[in-house]
């Protein structure tokens, strides 16, 4: 009876890839004290935020990272929280790097769907290499409300929207090709000499 609605924001930046995954969980006519999620192994969970979140614990599972989230009070019918995680960039991006968009799965979920918005740093060239199990949608317009995911993650160098997708089940696949943006500098120089 557990269904999951996800809204994700992925920022591809020079120093790494940052993700914010907002999960709305529905479990009618039941109560939950905790939830178990699975994430990719190479990402580090930095924060789990929610009004009813008491704490969380991350550990390595068989071929994924297991994240256990503990609640302050037993949740009835529905709960919502945000999972923040990131992975540092190991390469210098002189050659194209292939990156997969991370997915978050909830243990015991009968149905999981949602959307993911991908943004990029202006110093990087990012293109969609391949997709599977997703369909392209229009980029959402900023609402300005405190619940707007786009306002939750910022970058000092600015951030540009790249693409948005919706998915009907997890796992899905979105593969990105990332290179550093080549700078083009043009200068017009005039010299005046006076004797």
Protein backbone atom coordinates (compact mmCIF):
# COMPACT_ATOMS: atom_id res chain seq x y z
CA UNK A 1 0.00 0.00 0.00
CA UNK A 2 3.05 2.30 -0.05
CA UNK A 3 3.20 4.69 -2.99
CA UNK A 4 5.91 7.29 -3.62
CA UNK A 5 5.72 10.59 -5.49
CA UNK A 6 9.17 12.08 -6.11
CA UNK A 7 10.36 15.49 -7.22
CA UNK A 8 14.11 15.63 -7.84
CA UNK A 9 16.58 18.37 -8.66
CA UNK A 10 20.05 17.49 -9.97
CA UNK A 11 22.78 20.13 -10.29
CA UNK A 12 25.86 19.26 -12.34
CA UNK A 13 28.62 21.59 -11.10
CA UNK A 14 32.38 21.91 -11.51
CA UNK A 15 33.25 20.32 -8.16
CA UNK A 16 30.62 17.58 -8.20
CA UNK A 17 27.01 16.57 -8.69
CA UNK A 18 24.45 17.67 -6.11
CA UNK A 19 20.97 16.17 -5.79
CA UNK A 20 17.87 17.06 -3.81
CA UNK A 21 15.21 14.37 -3.80
CA UNK A 22 11.80 15.27 -2.31
CA UNK A 23 9.70 12.23 -1.44
CA UNK A 24 5.98 12.24 -0.65
CA UNK A 25 4.96 8.83 0.70
CA UNK A 26 1.34 7.64 0.93
CA UNK A 27 0.42 4.60 3.04
CA UNK A 28 -3.33 4.64 3.62
CA UNK A 29 -4.83 3.08 6.74
CA UNK A 30 -1.42 2.38 8.28
CA UNK A 31 1.33 3.91 10.40
CA UNK A 32 5.09 4.06 9.84
CA UNK A 33 7.92 4.74 12.32
CA UNK A 34 10.73 4.59 9.77
CA UNK A 35 11.51 4.27 6.08
CA UNK A 36 14.31 2.52 4.23
CA UNK A 37 15.69 4.02 1.03
CA UNK A 38 18.36 2.87 -1.41
CA UNK A 39 20.76 5.24 -3.21
CA UNK A 40 23.85 4.78 -5.41
CA UNK A 41 26.99 3.81 -3.51
CA UNK A 42 29.19 6.66 -4.75
CA UNK A 43 26.98 9.46 -3.36
CA UNK A 44 27.29 10.95 0.13
CA UNK A 45 24.10 11.82 2.01
CA UNK A 46 24.55 15.26 3.56
CA UNK A 47 21.12 15.95 5.03
CA UNK A 48 17.64 14.55 5.47
CA UNK A 49 15.09 17.28 6.21
CA UNK A 50 11.45 17.01 7.17
CA UNK A 51 9.05 18.14 9.87
CA UNK A 52 8.79 14.62 11.30
CA UNK A 53 12.39 13.41 10.80
CA UNK A 54 14.19 12.45 14.05
CA UNK A 55 17.36 11.12 12.46
CA UNK A 56 18.89 8.98 9.76
CA UNK A 57 21.60 6.40 9.27
CA UNK A 58 23.44 5.49 6.09
CA UNK A 59 25.32 2.23 5.51
CA UNK A 60 26.61 0.14 2.65
CA UNK A 61 24.27 -2.61 1.42
CA UNK A 62 24.94 -5.31 -1.20
CA UNK A 63 25.22 -3.07 -4.29
CA UNK A 64 23.59 0.13 -3.04
CA UNK A 65 23.67 2.55 -0.17
CA UNK A 66 20.98 1.91 2.45
CA UNK A 67 19.47 4.97 4.14
CA UNK A 68 17.26 4.40 7.19
CA UNK A 69 15.11 7.40 8.20
CA UNK A 70 13.60 7.48 11.70
CA UNK A 71 10.55 9.60 12.54
CA UNK A 72 9.74 11.70 15.62
CA UNK A 73 6.17 10.41 15.79
CA UNK A 74 4.48 7.58 13.94
CA UNK A 75 3.25 8.95 10.61
CA UNK A 76 -0.32 8.19 9.59
CA UNK A 77 -1.41 7.97 5.95
CA UNK A 78 1.29 10.30 4.55
CA UNK A 79 4.75 11.77 5.18
CA UNK A 80 7.20 13.95 3.28
CA UNK A 81 10.92 14.64 3.52
CA UNK A 82 13.90 15.80 1.45
CA UNK A 83 17.12 13.85 0.94
CA UNK A 84 20.23 15.88 0.02
CA UNK A 85 23.23 14.01 -1.40
CA UNK A 86 26.25 14.71 -3.57
CA UNK A 87 29.26 13.16 -5.26
CA UNK A 88 32.58 14.99 -5.76
CA UNK A 89 34.03 15.16 -9.25
CA UNK A 90 37.16 13.04 -9.64
CA UNK A 91 38.12 13.98 -13.20
CA UNK A 92 39.25 17.28 -14.72
CA UNK A 93 36.67 17.11 -17.57
CA UNK A 94 39.22 17.72 -20.31
CA UNK A 95 37.81 14.55 -21.86
CA UNK A 96 34.04 13.91 -21.79
CA UNK A 97 32.86 12.22 -18.59
CA UNK A 98 29.77 10.01 -18.61
CA UNK A 99 27.53 10.42 -15.58
CA UNK A 100 24.29 8.66 -14.64
CA UNK A 101 21.48 10.55 -12.91
CA UNK A 102 21.12 8.91 -9.47
CA UNK A 103 17.85 7.27 -8.47
CA UNK A 104 16.31 6.83 -5.04
CA UNK A 105 14.11 3.80 -4.34
CA UNK A 106 11.94 3.27 -1.26
CA UNK A 107 11.84 -0.21 0.21
CA UNK A 108 8.38 -1.78 -0.09
CA UNK A 109 6.97 0.82 -2.50
CA UNK A 110 4.32 -0.68 -4.77
CA UNK A 111 4.29 2.39 -7.04
CA UNK A 112 6.90 5.12 -7.54
CA UNK A 113 6.70 7.99 -10.01
CA UNK A 114 7.73 11.59 -10.29
CA UNK A 115 9.91 14.08 -12.13
CA UNK A 116 13.54 15.14 -12.25
CA UNK A 117 14.95 18.52 -13.29
CA UNK A 118 18.58 18.67 -14.42
CA UNK A 119 20.56 21.91 -14.20
CA UNK A 120 24.17 22.70 -15.09
CA UNK A 121 26.93 25.13 -14.25
CA UNK A 122 27.64 27.76 -16.93
CA UNK A 123 31.26 26.52 -16.90
CA UNK A 124 30.25 23.05 -18.11
CA UNK A 125 28.88 21.62 -21.33
CA UNK A 126 26.33 18.95 -20.44
CA UNK A 127 24.29 16.99 -22.94
CA UNK A 128 21.86 14.10 -22.62
CA UNK A 129 23.61 10.97 -23.90
CA UNK A 130 20.73 8.47 -23.51
CA UNK A 131 17.48 7.92 -21.60
CA UNK A 132 15.42 4.89 -20.63
CA UNK A 133 12.11 4.76 -18.76
CA UNK A 134 11.56 8.54 -18.83
CA UNK A 135 9.77 11.05 -21.04
CA UNK A 136 10.77 14.67 -21.62
CA UNK A 137 8.59 17.43 -20.16
CA UNK A 138 8.71 21.24 -20.10
CA UNK A 139 10.92 22.83 -17.48
CA UNK A 140 8.78 23.96 -14.54
CA UNK A 141 8.42 27.71 -14.05
CA UNK A 142 9.70 29.01 -10.70
CA UNK A 143 6.85 29.63 -8.28
CA UNK A 144 8.72 31.68 -5.68
CA UNK A 145 7.16 29.67 -2.85
CA UNK A 146 9.32 28.20 -0.04
CA UNK A 147 8.47 24.72 -1.37
CA UNK A 148 10.07 25.46 -4.74
CA UNK A 149 12.99 23.06 -5.16
CA UNK A 150 14.81 25.45 -7.47
CA UNK A 151 15.26 27.89 -4.58
CA UNK A 152 16.60 25.19 -2.24
CA UNK A 153 19.90 24.63 -4.08
CA UNK A 154 21.96 27.55 -5.37
CA UNK A 155 25.44 28.05 -6.78
CA UNK A 156 27.68 31.13 -6.46
CA UNK A 157 28.53 30.93 -10.19
CA UNK A 158 24.88 30.63 -11.21
CA UNK A 159 23.03 27.64 -12.55
CA UNK A 160 21.26 27.03 -15.86
CA UNK A 161 18.35 24.68 -16.55
CA UNK A 162 19.11 21.82 -18.92
CA UNK A 163 16.15 19.43 -19.12
CA UNK A 164 13.23 17.95 -17.20
CA UNK A 165 11.85 14.41 -17.32
CA UNK A 166 9.03 12.47 -15.75
CA UNK A 167 9.21 8.80 -14.82
CA UNK A 168 6.48 6.25 -14.11
CA UNK A 169 8.64 3.74 -12.24
CA UNK A 170 12.03 3.34 -10.59
CA UNK A 171 14.71 2.54 -11.64
CA UNK A 172 15.09 4.64 -14.75
CA UNK A 173 18.17 5.78 -16.64
CA UNK A 174 19.38 9.22 -17.78
CA UNK A 175 22.99 9.33 -18.93
CA UNK A 176 24.85 12.64 -19.20
CA UNK A 177 28.02 13.56 -21.12
CA UNK A 178 29.94 16.32 -19.31
CA UNK A 179 32.89 18.42 -20.49
CA UNK A 180 34.32 21.73 -19.38
CA UNK A 181 33.16 24.67 -21.45
CA UNK A 182 35.85 26.00 -23.75
CA UNK A 183 36.32 29.70 -23.30
CA UNK A 184 36.52 31.90 -26.36
CA UNK A 185 38.31 35.15 -25.74
CA UNK A 186 38.35 37.84 -28.42
CA UNK A 187 40.21 41.08 -28.00
CA UNK A 188 40.57 44.17 -30.12
CA UNK A 189 43.68 46.11 -29.22
CA UNK A 190 44.51 49.65 -30.33
CA UNK A 191 47.81 51.28 -29.55
CA UNK A 192 48.63 54.98 -29.70
CA UNK A 193 52.27 56.04 -29.65
CA UNK A 194 53.17 59.69 -29.09
CA UNK A 195 56.68 61.01 -29.59
